[in-house]
Amino acid sequence: MAPASDAIGLLENLHTVSIGSVFAAYVAAAYSDTYPDVSFTDYITPVARTFVREMSTRCLAEPGVLVSAVNALAIDKDRTIFSKDPTTGAMGDRLRENTPVLPIPAPLFIAQGAADPLVIPAVQDAYVAARCKAGQELEYKKYEGKDHMSVVAPDSALIGDLLAWTQDRIDGLPAINNCAGPALDRPGSTQTPAGPVQCELGPL
């Protein structure tokens, strides 16, 4: 649901997101802690290192995140936490490694909020289009007026769509492939766009 499917696309867009440095902190800390070739000090500016380390240990729901968000706004206003482009070098290579591009031989449903400022629709559209071009079968739906959080809220049309999609898989019904349908062209419809019935594929 609104997956960060294109890791490079996500990082390239964070400078346009309010408190984008909060999300960048999670990415920077996780990649430098996981991959020996991604150096924390190579990518993070000295002034931001304490913030990034502290932020990366917190859950977004914690009260202390509010203080981090205020600090993030101050950072975002004047500079980035990165001392060099994170989409280059070792981090860039690892980001690309974590972008799923291999065939997924199970039912695949991708949902996207049309008003998502974090995982922006244009990036998701491009990712889906590339996967479709590569032969991946999938069902892709966008939800008008929904952002990264509200797309999964209890009142979102996605909830009913997702439950129905899951029940169809349990019942053994064939999955729908709408790669050639209108979902790539316009947001908003919660109706399944017309498309050929294909073999089943799996969730991302």
N, C-alpha and C. Protein backbone atom coordinates (compact mmCIF):
# COMPACT_ATOMS: atom_id res chain seq x y z
N MET A 1 0.84 -1.17 0.00
CA MET A 1 0.00 0.00 0.00
C MET A 1 0.89 1.23 0.00
N ALA A 2 0.84 2.00 -1.09
CA ALA A 2 1.74 3.15 -1.28
C ALA A 2 3.18 2.76 -1.00
N PRO A 3 3.66 1.65 -1.61
CA PRO A 3 5.00 1.18 -1.29
C PRO A 3 6.08 2.12 -1.82
N ALA A 4 7.17 2.19 -1.08
CA ALA A 4 8.34 2.93 -1.57
C ALA A 4 9.07 2.02 -2.54
N SER A 5 8.40 1.70 -3.64
CA SER A 5 8.89 0.71 -4.58
C SER A 5 10.18 1.14 -5.28
N ASP A 6 10.29 2.42 -5.58
CA ASP A 6 11.47 2.97 -6.25
C ASP A 6 12.28 3.75 -5.21
N ALA A 7 13.29 3.11 -4.63
CA ALA A 7 14.07 3.73 -3.57
C ALA A 7 14.78 5.01 -4.03
N ILE A 8 15.29 4.99 -5.25
CA ILE A 8 15.95 6.18 -5.78
C ILE A 8 14.94 7.31 -5.95
N GLY A 9 13.78 6.99 -6.49
CA GLY A 9 12.75 8.00 -6.67
C GLY A 9 12.31 8.61 -5.36
N LEU A 10 12.22 7.78 -4.31
CA LEU A 10 11.84 8.28 -2.99
C LEU A 10 12.87 9.28 -2.47
N LEU A 11 14.14 8.91 -2.53
CA LEU A 11 15.19 9.81 -2.03
C LEU A 11 15.25 11.10 -2.81
N GLU A 12 15.08 11.02 -4.11
CA GLU A 12 15.15 12.22 -4.93
C GLU A 12 14.02 13.19 -4.63
N ASN A 13 12.92 12.69 -4.06
CA ASN A 13 11.76 13.54 -3.80
C ASN A 13 11.72 14.09 -2.38
N LEU A 14 12.55 13.57 -1.47
CA LEU A 14 12.43 13.94 -0.06
C LEU A 14 12.66 15.42 0.22
N HIS A 15 13.44 16.08 -0.64
CA HIS A 15 13.70 17.51 -0.40
C HIS A 15 12.44 18.35 -0.60
N THR A 16 11.42 17.79 -1.24
CA THR A 16 10.18 18.53 -1.46
C THR A 16 9.14 18.24 -0.38
N VAL A 17 9.47 17.33 0.55
CA VAL A 17 8.52 16.89 1.57
C VAL A 17 8.79 17.61 2.89
N SER A 18 7.74 18.10 3.54
CA SER A 18 7.88 18.69 4.86
C SER A 18 8.48 17.65 5.80
N ILE A 19 9.45 18.04 6.60
CA ILE A 19 10.25 17.16 7.47
C ILE A 19 10.80 15.97 6.70
N GLY A 20 11.17 16.21 5.44
CA GLY A 20 11.75 15.15 4.64
C GLY A 20 13.01 14.58 5.25
N SER A 21 13.74 15.40 6.03
CA SER A 21 14.96 14.91 6.66
C SER A 21 14.69 13.84 7.70
N VAL A 22 13.47 13.83 8.27
CA VAL A 22 13.11 12.76 9.20
C VAL A 22 13.12 11.42 8.48
N PHE A 23 12.48 11.36 7.32
CA PHE A 23 12.44 10.13 6.55
C PHE A 23 13.83 9.79 5.99
N ALA A 24 14.57 10.81 5.60
CA ALA A 24 15.93 10.59 5.11
C ALA A 24 16.81 10.01 6.20
N ALA A 25 16.56 10.40 7.45
CA ALA A 25 17.35 9.89 8.58
C ALA A 25 17.17 8.38 8.72
N TYR A 26 15.94 7.92 8.57
CA TYR A 26 15.68 6.48 8.66
C TYR A 26 16.45 5.73 7.57
N VAL A 27 16.41 6.26 6.36
CA VAL A 27 17.09 5.62 5.24
C VAL A 27 18.60 5.62 5.45
N ALA A 28 19.15 6.76 5.81
CA ALA A 28 20.60 6.89 5.96
C ALA A 28 21.13 5.96 7.06
N ALA A 29 20.47 5.96 8.20
CA ALA A 29 20.93 5.13 9.31
C ALA A 29 20.79 3.65 8.99
N ALA A 30 19.67 3.27 8.39
CA ALA A 30 19.44 1.86 8.09
C ALA A 30 20.45 1.32 7.09
N TYR A 31 20.72 2.09 6.05
CA TYR A 31 21.65 1.62 5.02
C TYR A 31 23.09 1.59 5.52
N SER A 32 23.49 2.59 6.30
CA SER A 32 24.86 2.60 6.81
C SER A 32 25.07 1.53 7.87
N ASP A 33 24.02 1.20 8.62
CA ASP A 33 24.13 0.14 9.63
C ASP A 33 24.11 -1.25 9.00
N THR A 34 23.44 -1.38 7.86
CA THR A 34 23.27 -2.69 7.24
C THR A 34 24.40 -3.05 6.29
N TYR A 35 24.89 -2.05 5.56
CA TYR A 35 25.88 -2.32 4.52
C TYR A 35 27.24 -1.70 4.88
N PRO A 36 28.27 -2.52 5.03
CA PRO A 36 29.59 -2.02 5.41
C PRO A 36 30.17 -1.00 4.43
N ASP A 37 29.78 -1.09 3.15
CA ASP A 37 30.35 -0.18 2.16
C ASP A 37 29.65 1.19 2.14
N VAL A 38 28.56 1.35 2.88
CA VAL A 38 27.87 2.64 2.96
C VAL A 38 28.33 3.33 4.24
N SER A 39 29.15 4.33 4.10
CA SER A 39 29.72 5.03 5.25
C SER A 39 28.81 6.16 5.71
N PHE A 40 28.41 6.10 6.98
CA PHE A 40 27.56 7.15 7.56
C PHE A 40 28.22 8.51 7.44
N THR A 41 29.49 8.59 7.77
CA THR A 41 30.18 9.88 7.76
C THR A 41 30.45 10.39 6.35
N ASP A 42 30.47 9.49 5.39
CA ASP A 42 30.66 9.92 4.00
C ASP A 42 29.42 10.64 3.47
N TYR A 43 28.25 10.24 3.95
CA TYR A 43 27.01 10.76 3.37
C TYR A 43 26.30 11.81 4.23
N ILE A 44 26.54 11.82 5.54
CA ILE A 44 25.81 12.72 6.42
C ILE A 44 26.70 13.88 6.86
N THR A 45 26.18 15.08 6.74
CA THR A 45 26.95 16.26 7.14
C THR A 45 27.20 16.23 8.65
N PRO A 46 28.35 16.75 9.10
CA PRO A 46 28.65 16.73 10.54
C PRO A 46 27.56 17.34 11.40
N VAL A 47 26.96 18.44 10.95
CA VAL A 47 25.97 19.12 11.77
C VAL A 47 24.69 18.30 11.93
N ALA A 48 24.44 17.36 11.04
CA ALA A 48 23.20 16.59 11.09
C ALA A 48 23.38 15.20 11.69
N ARG A 49 24.60 14.80 12.00
CA ARG A 49 24.84 13.41 12.42
C ARG A 49 24.14 13.04 13.72
N THR A 50 24.16 13.91 14.69
CA THR A 50 23.48 13.62 15.96
C THR A 50 21.98 13.49 15.75
N PHE A 51 21.42 14.42 14.98
CA PHE A 51 19.98 14.37 14.69
C PHE A 51 19.61 13.07 14.00
N VAL A 52 20.38 12.67 12.99
CA VAL A 52 20.06 11.48 12.22
C VAL A 52 20.11 10.24 13.12
N ARG A 53 21.15 10.13 13.95
CA ARG A 53 21.26 8.98 14.83
C ARG A 53 20.12 8.92 15.84
N GLU A 54 19.78 10.06 16.42
CA GLU A 54 18.69 10.09 17.41
C GLU A 54 17.35 9.79 16.75
N MET A 55 17.11 10.39 15.60
CA MET A 55 15.83 10.20 14.92
C MET A 55 15.65 8.76 14.48
N SER A 56 16.72 8.12 14.06
CA SER A 56 16.62 6.76 13.52
C SER A 56 16.27 5.73 14.58
N THR A 57 16.37 6.09 15.86
CA THR A 57 16.03 5.15 16.94
C THR A 57 14.59 5.31 17.40
N ARG A 58 13.87 6.26 16.84
CA ARG A 58 12.52 6.57 17.30
C ARG A 58 11.46 6.09 16.31
N CYS A 59 10.30 5.79 16.88
CA CYS A 59 9.13 5.48 16.06
C CYS A 59 8.40 6.78 15.78
N LEU A 60 7.80 6.89 14.61
CA LEU A 60 7.09 8.12 14.25
C LEU A 60 5.95 8.44 15.20
N ALA A 61 5.45 7.42 15.92
CA ALA A 61 4.33 7.65 16.83
C ALA A 61 4.77 8.14 18.21
N GLU A 62 6.09 8.13 18.49
CA GLU A 62 6.57 8.55 19.80
C GLU A 62 6.41 10.05 19.99
N PRO A 63 6.12 10.49 21.25
CA PRO A 63 6.00 11.93 21.53
C PRO A 63 7.28 12.70 21.19
N GLY A 64 8.44 12.10 21.39
CA GLY A 64 9.70 12.78 21.14
C GLY A 64 9.93 13.12 19.68
N VAL A 65 9.17 12.48 18.81
CA VAL A 65 9.32 12.76 17.38
C VAL A 65 8.91 14.19 17.06
N LEU A 66 8.01 14.77 17.86
CA LEU A 66 7.60 16.16 17.63
C LEU A 66 8.79 17.09 17.71
N VAL A 67 9.66 16.86 18.70
CA VAL A 67 10.87 17.67 18.83
C VAL A 67 11.77 17.44 17.64
N SER A 68 11.89 16.19 17.22
CA SER A 68 12.71 15.88 16.05
C SER A 68 12.15 16.54 14.80
N ALA A 69 10.83 16.60 14.71
CA ALA A 69 10.20 17.22 13.56
C ALA A 69 10.52 18.71 13.50
N VAL A 70 10.51 19.36 14.66
CA VAL A 70 10.87 20.78 14.71
C VAL A 70 12.32 20.97 14.26
N ASN A 71 13.20 20.10 14.73
CA ASN A 71 14.60 20.17 14.30
C ASN A 71 14.71 19.91 12.81
N ALA A 72 13.90 18.97 12.33
CA ALA A 72 13.93 18.64 10.91
C ALA A 72 13.52 19.82 10.05
N LEU A 73 12.51 20.54 10.50
CA LEU A 73 12.06 21.72 9.76
C LEU A 73 13.17 22.75 9.66
N ALA A 74 13.92 22.88 10.75
CA ALA A 74 15.04 23.83 10.74
C ALA A 74 16.12 23.38 9.76
N ILE A 75 16.38 22.08 9.74
CA ILE A 75 17.37 21.54 8.80
C ILE A 75 16.89 21.68 7.37
N ASP A 76 15.64 21.30 7.13
CA ASP A 76 15.09 21.34 5.77
C ASP A 76 15.06 22.74 5.20
N LYS A 77 14.90 23.73 6.08
CA LYS A 77 14.78 25.11 5.61
C LYS A 77 16.08 25.60 5.00
N ASP A 78 17.19 25.17 5.57
CA ASP A 78 18.47 25.75 5.17
C ASP A 78 19.38 24.78 4.41
N ARG A 79 19.23 23.48 4.63
CA ARG A 79 20.22 22.56 4.06
C ARG A 79 19.65 21.13 4.05
N THR A 80 20.43 20.22 3.52
CA THR A 80 20.08 18.81 3.54
C THR A 80 20.97 18.10 4.55
N ILE A 81 20.54 16.92 5.01
CA ILE A 81 21.37 16.16 5.94
C ILE A 81 22.53 15.49 5.20
N PHE A 82 22.43 15.43 3.88
CA PHE A 82 23.44 14.71 3.10
C PHE A 82 24.58 15.62 2.67
N SER A 83 25.80 15.11 2.82
CA SER A 83 26.97 15.84 2.36
C SER A 83 27.26 15.56 0.89
N LYS A 84 26.69 14.48 0.36
CA LYS A 84 26.78 14.20 -1.07
C LYS A 84 25.53 13.46 -1.50
N ASP A 85 25.31 13.39 -2.77
CA ASP A 85 24.10 12.81 -3.34
C ASP A 85 23.97 11.35 -2.91
N PRO A 86 22.90 11.00 -2.14
CA PRO A 86 22.76 9.62 -1.67
C PRO A 86 22.41 8.62 -2.77
N THR A 87 22.07 9.13 -3.95
CA THR A 87 21.74 8.21 -5.05
C THR A 87 22.98 7.83 -5.86
N THR A 88 24.15 8.29 -5.40
CA THR A 88 25.40 7.96 -6.07
C THR A 88 26.26 7.08 -5.15
N GLY A 89 27.31 6.51 -5.70
CA GLY A 89 28.26 5.74 -4.90
C GLY A 89 27.64 4.49 -4.30
N ALA A 90 28.19 4.06 -3.16
CA ALA A 90 27.77 2.82 -2.53
C ALA A 90 26.31 2.86 -2.11
N MET A 91 25.85 3.99 -1.55
CA MET A 91 24.44 4.07 -1.14
C MET A 91 23.52 3.98 -2.35
N GLY A 92 23.88 4.67 -3.42
CA GLY A 92 23.08 4.59 -4.63
C GLY A 92 22.97 3.17 -5.15
N ASP A 93 24.11 2.45 -5.12
CA ASP A 93 24.10 1.06 -5.58
C ASP A 93 23.18 0.21 -4.71
N ARG A 94 23.24 0.42 -3.40
CA ARG A 94 22.40 -0.36 -2.49
C ARG A 94 20.92 0.00 -2.62
N LEU A 95 20.64 1.27 -2.84
CA LEU A 95 19.25 1.68 -3.07
C LEU A 95 18.69 0.97 -4.29
N ARG A 96 19.48 0.89 -5.35
CA ARG A 96 19.02 0.22 -6.56
C ARG A 96 18.84 -1.28 -6.33
N GLU A 97 19.71 -1.87 -5.51
CA GLU A 97 19.57 -3.28 -5.18
C GLU A 97 18.26 -3.57 -4.45
N ASN A 98 17.76 -2.58 -3.72
CA ASN A 98 16.55 -2.76 -2.93
C ASN A 98 15.28 -2.30 -3.64
N THR A 99 15.41 -2.01 -4.92
CA THR A 99 14.24 -1.70 -5.73
C THR A 99 13.82 -2.97 -6.46
N PRO A 100 12.63 -3.50 -6.17
CA PRO A 100 12.22 -4.79 -6.74
C PRO A 100 11.96 -4.70 -8.24
N VAL A 101 12.76 -5.40 -9.01
CA VAL A 101 12.62 -5.38 -10.47
C VAL A 101 12.50 -6.78 -11.05
N LEU A 102 12.68 -7.81 -10.24
CA LEU A 102 12.56 -9.17 -10.75
C LEU A 102 11.09 -9.57 -10.82
N PRO A 103 10.75 -10.53 -11.67
CA PRO A 103 9.36 -10.97 -11.78
C PRO A 103 8.83 -11.49 -10.44
N ILE A 104 7.59 -11.16 -10.13
CA ILE A 104 6.93 -11.63 -8.91
C ILE A 104 5.85 -12.63 -9.33
N PRO A 105 6.06 -13.92 -9.07
CA PRO A 105 5.15 -14.95 -9.57
C PRO A 105 3.99 -15.24 -8.62
N ALA A 106 3.34 -14.20 -8.16
CA ALA A 106 2.19 -14.35 -7.26
C ALA A 106 1.31 -13.12 -7.44
N PRO A 107 0.07 -13.14 -6.95
CA PRO A 107 -0.82 -11.99 -7.17
C PRO A 107 -0.25 -10.69 -6.62
N LEU A 108 -0.30 -9.64 -7.42
CA LEU A 108 0.31 -8.36 -7.05
C LEU A 108 -0.71 -7.23 -7.16
N PHE A 109 -0.93 -6.54 -6.05
CA PHE A 109 -1.85 -5.40 -6.01
C PHE A 109 -1.09 -4.21 -5.45
N ILE A 110 -1.04 -3.11 -6.19
CA ILE A 110 -0.36 -1.89 -5.76
C ILE A 110 -1.40 -0.78 -5.65
N ALA A 111 -1.47 -0.17 -4.46
CA ALA A 111 -2.40 0.94 -4.23
C ALA A 111 -1.60 2.21 -3.96
N GLN A 112 -2.10 3.34 -4.44
CA GLN A 112 -1.38 4.61 -4.34
C GLN A 112 -2.35 5.75 -4.09
N GLY A 113 -2.04 6.57 -3.09
CA GLY A 113 -2.81 7.79 -2.87
C GLY A 113 -2.44 8.82 -3.92
N ALA A 114 -3.44 9.39 -4.58
CA ALA A 114 -3.18 10.36 -5.65
C ALA A 114 -2.65 11.68 -5.11
N ALA A 115 -2.77 11.91 -3.79
CA ALA A 115 -2.28 13.14 -3.18
C ALA A 115 -1.11 12.86 -2.23
N ASP A 116 -0.43 11.75 -2.43
CA ASP A 116 0.67 11.36 -1.54
C ASP A 116 1.88 12.25 -1.79
N PRO A 117 2.36 13.01 -0.76
CA PRO A 117 3.52 13.87 -0.96
C PRO A 117 4.85 13.17 -0.70
N LEU A 118 4.79 11.95 -0.13
CA LEU A 118 6.02 11.23 0.20
C LEU A 118 6.39 10.28 -0.93
N VAL A 119 5.54 9.30 -1.16
CA VAL A 119 5.69 8.43 -2.34
C VAL A 119 4.81 9.05 -3.41
N ILE A 120 5.38 9.91 -4.21
CA ILE A 120 4.56 10.71 -5.11
C ILE A 120 4.02 9.85 -6.26
N PRO A 121 2.79 10.14 -6.71
CA PRO A 121 2.17 9.32 -7.75
C PRO A 121 3.00 9.19 -9.02
N ALA A 122 3.67 10.26 -9.42
CA ALA A 122 4.46 10.19 -10.66
C ALA A 122 5.56 9.14 -10.57
N VAL A 123 6.19 9.03 -9.39
CA VAL A 123 7.24 8.02 -9.19
C VAL A 123 6.63 6.62 -9.22
N GLN A 124 5.49 6.45 -8.54
CA GLN A 124 4.83 5.14 -8.54
C GLN A 124 4.34 4.77 -9.94
N ASP A 125 3.78 5.76 -10.67
CA ASP A 125 3.34 5.51 -12.04
C ASP A 125 4.49 5.00 -12.90
N ALA A 126 5.65 5.67 -12.76
CA ALA A 126 6.81 5.29 -13.58
C ALA A 126 7.30 3.90 -13.22
N TYR A 127 7.29 3.59 -11.92
CA TYR A 127 7.71 2.26 -11.48
C TYR A 127 6.77 1.19 -12.05
N VAL A 128 5.47 1.42 -11.91
CA VAL A 128 4.48 0.45 -12.40
C VAL A 128 4.60 0.30 -13.92
N ALA A 129 4.75 1.41 -14.61
CA ALA A 129 4.86 1.35 -16.08
C ALA A 129 6.08 0.53 -16.50
N ALA A 130 7.19 0.69 -15.76
CA ALA A 130 8.41 -0.07 -16.07
C ALA A 130 8.21 -1.56 -15.82
N ARG A 131 7.51 -1.88 -14.73
CA ARG A 131 7.26 -3.28 -14.42
C ARG A 131 6.32 -3.90 -15.46
N CYS A 132 5.31 -3.14 -15.87
CA CYS A 132 4.40 -3.62 -16.90
C CYS A 132 5.14 -3.86 -18.21
N LYS A 133 6.01 -2.93 -18.56
CA LYS A 133 6.78 -3.06 -19.80
C LYS A 133 7.68 -4.29 -19.75
N ALA A 134 8.14 -4.62 -18.54
CA ALA A 134 9.01 -5.79 -18.37
C ALA A 134 8.23 -7.10 -18.34
N GLY A 135 6.89 -7.01 -18.39
CA GLY A 135 6.08 -8.21 -18.44
C GLY A 135 5.42 -8.60 -17.12
N GLN A 136 5.61 -7.80 -16.09
CA GLN A 136 4.97 -8.10 -14.82
C GLN A 136 3.46 -7.89 -14.92
N GLU A 137 2.69 -8.81 -14.41
CA GLU A 137 1.24 -8.67 -14.37
C GLU A 137 0.86 -8.16 -12.98
N LEU A 138 -0.02 -7.17 -12.93
CA LEU A 138 -0.36 -6.56 -11.64
C LEU A 138 -1.68 -5.81 -11.75
N GLU A 139 -2.22 -5.46 -10.60
CA GLU A 139 -3.37 -4.57 -10.54
C GLU A 139 -2.94 -3.32 -9.80
N TYR A 140 -3.14 -2.16 -10.40
CA TYR A 140 -2.69 -0.88 -9.84
C TYR A 140 -3.88 0.05 -9.73
N LYS A 141 -4.10 0.59 -8.53
CA LYS A 141 -5.19 1.53 -8.31
C LYS A 141 -4.69 2.77 -7.58
N LYS A 142 -5.20 3.93 -8.01
CA LYS A 142 -4.91 5.19 -7.33
C LYS A 142 -6.20 5.73 -6.73
N TYR A 143 -6.04 6.44 -5.59
CA TYR A 143 -7.19 6.90 -4.83
C TYR A 143 -7.16 8.42 -4.70
N GLU A 144 -8.12 9.05 -5.33
CA GLU A 144 -8.21 10.51 -5.40
C GLU A 144 -8.27 11.12 -4.00
N GLY A 145 -7.46 12.16 -3.77
CA GLY A 145 -7.50 12.91 -2.52
C GLY A 145 -6.84 12.24 -1.34
N LYS A 146 -6.27 11.07 -1.52
CA LYS A 146 -5.66 10.33 -0.42
C LYS A 146 -4.14 10.51 -0.43
N ASP A 147 -3.58 10.76 0.78
CA ASP A 147 -2.14 10.89 0.90
C ASP A 147 -1.54 9.60 1.45
N HIS A 148 -0.31 9.68 1.96
CA HIS A 148 0.41 8.47 2.36
C HIS A 148 -0.26 7.76 3.53
N MET A 149 -0.90 8.50 4.42
CA MET A 149 -1.54 7.90 5.58
C MET A 149 -3.04 7.68 5.36
N SER A 150 -3.72 8.66 4.77
CA SER A 150 -5.17 8.55 4.63
C SER A 150 -5.59 7.47 3.64
N VAL A 151 -4.68 7.05 2.77
CA VAL A 151 -5.03 5.99 1.82
C VAL A 151 -5.31 4.67 2.55
N VAL A 152 -4.75 4.52 3.77
CA VAL A 152 -5.00 3.30 4.53
C VAL A 152 -5.88 3.57 5.76
N ALA A 153 -6.51 4.74 5.82
CA ALA A 153 -7.42 5.07 6.91
C ALA A 153 -8.69 4.22 6.81
N PRO A 154 -9.41 4.04 7.93
CA PRO A 154 -10.60 3.19 7.91
C PRO A 154 -11.66 3.61 6.89
N ASP A 155 -11.73 4.92 6.58
CA ASP A 155 -12.75 5.38 5.64
C ASP A 155 -12.28 5.39 4.19
N SER A 156 -11.07 4.90 3.94
CA SER A 156 -10.55 4.89 2.57
C SER A 156 -11.20 3.78 1.76
N ALA A 157 -11.49 4.09 0.50
CA ALA A 157 -12.05 3.08 -0.40
C ALA A 157 -11.10 1.90 -0.60
N LEU A 158 -9.81 2.14 -0.34
CA LEU A 158 -8.83 1.07 -0.49
C LEU A 158 -9.16 -0.11 0.42
N ILE A 159 -9.67 0.15 1.61
CA ILE A 159 -9.91 -0.94 2.56
C ILE A 159 -10.87 -1.97 1.97
N GLY A 160 -11.98 -1.50 1.42
CA GLY A 160 -12.92 -2.42 0.80
C GLY A 160 -12.33 -3.13 -0.40
N ASP A 161 -11.58 -2.37 -1.21
CA ASP A 161 -10.93 -2.97 -2.39
C ASP A 161 -9.95 -4.06 -1.98
N LEU A 162 -9.18 -3.78 -0.93
CA LEU A 162 -8.16 -4.73 -0.49
C LEU A 162 -8.78 -5.99 0.09
N LEU A 163 -9.85 -5.82 0.88
CA LEU A 163 -10.53 -6.99 1.43
C LEU A 163 -11.13 -7.85 0.32
N ALA A 164 -11.73 -7.19 -0.67
CA ALA A 164 -12.33 -7.93 -1.78
C ALA A 164 -11.24 -8.64 -2.60
N TRP A 165 -10.13 -7.95 -2.83
CA TRP A 165 -9.02 -8.54 -3.58
C TRP A 165 -8.47 -9.76 -2.85
N THR A 166 -8.31 -9.64 -1.54
CA THR A 166 -7.78 -10.74 -0.74
C THR A 166 -8.74 -11.93 -0.75
N GLN A 167 -10.04 -11.65 -0.62
CA GLN A 167 -11.03 -12.73 -0.64
C GLN A 167 -11.02 -13.45 -1.98
N ASP A 168 -10.85 -12.70 -3.06
CA ASP A 168 -10.77 -13.33 -4.38
C ASP A 168 -9.58 -14.28 -4.48
N ARG A 169 -8.46 -13.89 -3.84
CA ARG A 169 -7.30 -14.77 -3.87
C ARG A 169 -7.57 -16.03 -3.04
N ILE A 170 -8.22 -15.86 -1.89
CA ILE A 170 -8.57 -17.02 -1.05
C ILE A 170 -9.52 -17.96 -1.79
N ASP A 171 -10.43 -17.36 -2.55
CA ASP A 171 -11.41 -18.16 -3.30
C ASP A 171 -10.82 -18.76 -4.57
N GLY A 172 -9.58 -18.43 -4.87
CA GLY A 172 -8.93 -19.00 -6.04
C GLY A 172 -9.30 -18.36 -7.35
N LEU A 173 -9.90 -17.17 -7.31
CA LEU A 173 -10.26 -16.48 -8.54
C LEU A 173 -9.02 -15.90 -9.21
N PRO A 174 -9.00 -15.82 -10.52
CA PRO A 174 -7.83 -15.28 -11.22
C PRO A 174 -7.65 -13.79 -10.93
N ALA A 175 -6.40 -13.36 -10.79
CA ALA A 175 -6.11 -11.95 -10.56
C ALA A 175 -6.28 -11.16 -11.84
N ILE A 176 -6.58 -9.87 -11.69
CA ILE A 176 -6.73 -8.98 -12.84
C ILE A 176 -5.42 -8.26 -13.12
N ASN A 177 -5.08 -8.18 -14.38
CA ASN A 177 -3.90 -7.43 -14.81
C ASN A 177 -4.39 -6.20 -15.55
N ASN A 178 -4.19 -5.00 -14.98
CA ASN A 178 -4.65 -3.79 -15.67
C ASN A 178 -3.47 -2.93 -16.16
N CYS A 179 -2.38 -3.58 -16.52
CA CYS A 179 -1.22 -2.86 -17.04
C CYS A 179 -1.58 -1.98 -18.24
N ALA A 180 -2.51 -2.44 -19.06
CA ALA A 180 -2.89 -1.67 -20.24
C ALA A 180 -4.13 -0.82 -19.99
N GLY A 181 -4.60 -0.77 -18.73
CA GLY A 181 -5.82 -0.06 -18.41
C GLY A 181 -5.59 1.38 -18.00
N PRO A 182 -6.65 2.06 -17.56
CA PRO A 182 -6.59 3.49 -17.26
C PRO A 182 -5.92 3.85 -15.95
N ALA A 183 -5.56 2.88 -15.10
CA ALA A 183 -4.98 3.20 -13.80
C ALA A 183 -3.66 3.96 -13.93
N LEU A 184 -2.95 3.73 -15.03
CA LEU A 184 -1.68 4.43 -15.22
C LEU A 184 -1.89 5.84 -15.75
N ASP A 185 -3.09 6.14 -16.17
CA ASP A 185 -3.34 7.44 -16.80
C ASP A 185 -4.09 8.42 -15.92
N ARG A 186 -4.94 7.93 -15.03
CA ARG A 186 -5.71 8.86 -14.22
C ARG A 186 -5.95 8.29 -12.83
N PRO A 187 -5.96 9.14 -11.79
CA PRO A 187 -6.22 8.69 -10.44
C PRO A 187 -7.72 8.67 -10.17
N GLY A 188 -8.07 8.12 -9.00
CA GLY A 188 -9.38 8.38 -8.44
C GLY A 188 -10.37 7.26 -8.48
N SER A 189 -10.37 6.43 -9.50
CA SER A 189 -11.40 5.42 -9.59
C SER A 189 -11.13 4.29 -8.62
N THR A 190 -12.16 3.90 -7.87
CA THR A 190 -12.03 2.73 -7.02
C THR A 190 -12.64 1.51 -7.67
N GLN A 191 -13.06 1.68 -8.92
CA GLN A 191 -13.55 0.54 -9.68
C GLN A 191 -12.38 -0.12 -10.37
N THR A 192 -12.44 -1.41 -10.51
CA THR A 192 -11.36 -2.12 -11.18
C THR A 192 -11.41 -1.81 -12.67
N PRO A 193 -10.35 -1.19 -13.22
CA PRO A 193 -10.36 -0.88 -14.64
C PRO A 193 -10.42 -2.16 -15.47
N ALA A 194 -11.02 -2.03 -16.63
CA ALA A 194 -11.13 -3.20 -17.49
C ALA A 194 -9.75 -3.66 -17.92
N GLY A 195 -9.56 -4.94 -17.97
CA GLY A 195 -8.28 -5.48 -18.38
C GLY A 195 -8.39 -6.98 -18.53
N PRO A 196 -7.47 -7.60 -19.20
CA PRO A 196 -7.54 -9.04 -19.41
C PRO A 196 -7.29 -9.79 -18.12
N VAL A 197 -7.96 -10.91 -17.95
CA VAL A 197 -7.72 -11.77 -16.79
C VAL A 197 -6.46 -12.57 -17.04
N GLN A 198 -5.56 -12.54 -16.04
CA GLN A 198 -4.27 -13.20 -16.20
C GLN A 198 -4.04 -14.14 -15.03
N CYS A 199 -2.90 -14.83 -15.06
CA CYS A 199 -2.55 -15.72 -13.96
C CYS A 199 -2.22 -14.89 -12.71
N GLU A 200 -2.22 -15.54 -11.56
CA GLU A 200 -2.10 -14.83 -10.29
C GLU A 200 -0.68 -14.37 -10.02
N LEU A 201 -0.59 -13.20 -9.35
CA LEU A 201 0.69 -12.63 -8.96
C LEU A 201 0.60 -12.14 -7.52
N GLY A 202 1.71 -11.78 -6.91
CA GLY A 202 1.70 -11.56 -5.46
C GLY A 202 2.01 -10.19 -4.95
N PRO A 203 1.67 -9.95 -3.68
CA PRO A 203 1.80 -8.62 -3.10
C PRO A 203 3.23 -8.16 -2.99
N LEU A 204 3.44 -6.84 -3.14
CA LEU A 204 4.76 -6.24 -3.04
C LEU A 204 4.93 -5.67 -1.65
